[in-house]
Amino acid sequence: MEFKLSNQNGAVHVSIIGAVDNDNAEDLKEQFQDLLAKDFSEAVFDLTYVPFITSSGIGKFLIFYKNIVAKGKKMRIKGINENLLELFKSIKLDQLFPIEP
């Protein structure tokens, strides 16, 4: 799994490349902790190249979301494949933050 960052107009854009499985969910957690220390108004995650994500990975996204909302920041996901979109909708993540295919 790769984690690439770029900044655009006060938003941090994060591209995640590769599967988010149980083995690298801890890496994701560390990346999110580093990201929380940065100055941004919105975190935009591009999941175009994420074929699947485990429940552990989803849990890391939820913890990150909770932390940035507490700081008055926003989060959204874009480039999500159809299977992940269905999964995220089935657990109502689309009601917490915007998810764009």
Protein backbone atom coordinates (compact mmCIF):
# COMPACT_ATOMS: atom_id res chain seq x y z
CA MET A 1 0.00 0.00 0.00
CA GLU A 2 1.27 3.45 -0.95
CA PHE A 3 0.14 6.76 0.52
CA LYS A 4 0.73 9.88 -1.63
CA LEU A 5 -0.02 13.43 -0.45
CA SER A 6 -0.50 16.72 -2.25
CA ASN A 7 -1.93 20.06 -1.14
CA GLN A 8 -4.41 22.08 -3.20
CA ASN A 9 -6.23 25.20 -2.03
CA GLY A 10 -6.11 24.33 1.68
CA ALA A 11 -7.13 20.72 1.12
CA VAL A 12 -4.85 17.75 1.46
CA HIS A 13 -5.33 15.18 -1.29
CA VAL A 14 -4.38 11.63 -0.36
CA SER A 15 -4.03 8.86 -2.93
CA ILE A 16 -4.01 5.38 -1.49
CA ILE A 17 -2.63 2.76 -3.85
CA GLY A 18 -3.12 -0.92 -3.10
CA ALA A 19 -5.35 -3.04 -0.91
CA VAL A 20 -6.00 -1.93 2.65
CA ASP A 21 -5.86 -5.23 4.48
CA ASN A 22 -5.33 -6.20 8.10
CA ASP A 23 -1.55 -6.29 7.66
CA ASN A 24 -1.24 -2.69 6.52
CA ALA A 25 -4.10 -1.16 8.51
CA GLU A 26 -1.55 -0.18 11.16
CA ASP A 27 0.49 1.60 8.47
CA LEU A 28 -2.69 3.44 7.52
CA LYS A 29 -3.19 4.43 11.16
CA GLU A 30 0.35 5.86 11.31
CA GLN A 31 -0.18 7.77 8.06
CA PHE A 32 -3.43 9.20 9.44
CA GLN A 33 -1.67 10.29 12.64
CA ASP A 34 0.96 12.12 10.58
CA LEU A 35 -1.79 13.67 8.48
CA LEU A 36 -3.58 14.99 11.58
CA ALA A 37 -0.50 17.09 12.39
CA LYS A 38 -0.73 18.91 9.05
CA ASP A 39 -2.62 22.13 8.38
CA PHE A 40 -5.61 21.61 6.06
CA SER A 41 -9.33 22.36 5.91
CA GLU A 42 -10.40 19.18 4.12
CA ALA A 43 -8.93 15.73 3.54
CA VAL A 44 -9.80 14.25 0.15
CA PHE A 45 -9.04 10.56 -0.25
CA ASP A 46 -8.66 9.11 -3.74
CA LEU A 47 -9.36 5.37 -3.57
CA THR A 48 -9.19 4.77 -7.33
CA TYR A 49 -6.43 2.19 -6.87
CA VAL A 50 -7.79 0.45 -3.77
CA PRO A 51 -9.25 -2.90 -4.86
CA PHE A 52 -10.53 -3.78 -1.39
CA ILE A 53 -10.50 -2.67 2.22
CA THR A 54 -10.97 -4.76 5.35
CA SER A 55 -13.05 -3.86 8.37
CA SER A 56 -9.83 -2.91 10.17
CA GLY A 57 -9.04 -0.40 7.42
CA ILE A 58 -12.57 1.01 7.58
CA GLY A 59 -12.13 1.38 11.32
CA LYS A 60 -9.00 3.49 10.76
CA PHE A 61 -10.96 5.77 8.40
CA LEU A 62 -13.69 6.17 11.05
CA ILE A 63 -11.19 7.09 13.76
CA PHE A 64 -9.53 9.59 11.41
CA TYR A 65 -12.93 11.07 10.53
CA LYS A 66 -13.83 11.45 14.21
CA ASN A 67 -10.51 13.20 14.90
CA ILE A 68 -10.74 15.71 12.06
CA VAL A 69 -14.39 16.55 12.73
CA ALA A 70 -13.39 17.35 16.32
CA LYS A 71 -10.94 19.88 14.81
CA GLY A 72 -13.63 21.42 12.59
CA LYS A 73 -12.27 19.90 9.38
CA LYS A 74 -13.95 18.00 6.57
CA MET A 75 -13.34 14.71 4.80
CA ARG A 76 -14.50 13.15 1.55
CA ILE A 77 -13.70 10.14 -0.56
CA LYS A 78 -13.51 10.07 -4.35
CA GLY A 79 -12.60 7.58 -7.03
CA ILE A 80 -14.12 4.66 -5.18
CA ASN A 81 -14.90 1.50 -7.12
CA GLU A 82 -18.41 0.08 -7.25
CA ASN A 83 -17.78 -2.75 -4.76
CA LEU A 84 -16.27 -0.42 -2.16
CA LEU A 85 -19.03 2.11 -2.75
CA GLU A 86 -21.66 -0.54 -2.03
CA LEU A 87 -19.78 -1.60 1.11
CA PHE A 88 -19.44 1.98 2.37
CA LYS A 89 -23.13 2.65 1.70
CA SER A 90 -24.20 -0.59 3.41
CA ILE A 91 -22.53 0.55 6.63
CA LYS A 92 -23.85 4.10 6.15
CA LEU A 93 -20.47 5.82 5.74
CA ASP A 94 -22.01 7.92 2.97
CA GLN A 95 -24.10 9.58 5.68
CA LEU A 96 -20.97 10.72 7.55
CA PHE A 97 -18.97 12.17 4.68
CA PRO A 98 -19.35 12.63 0.91
CA ILE A 99 -18.36 9.67 -1.25
CA GLU A 100 -17.93 10.31 -4.96
CA PRO A 101 -17.52 7.46 -7.48
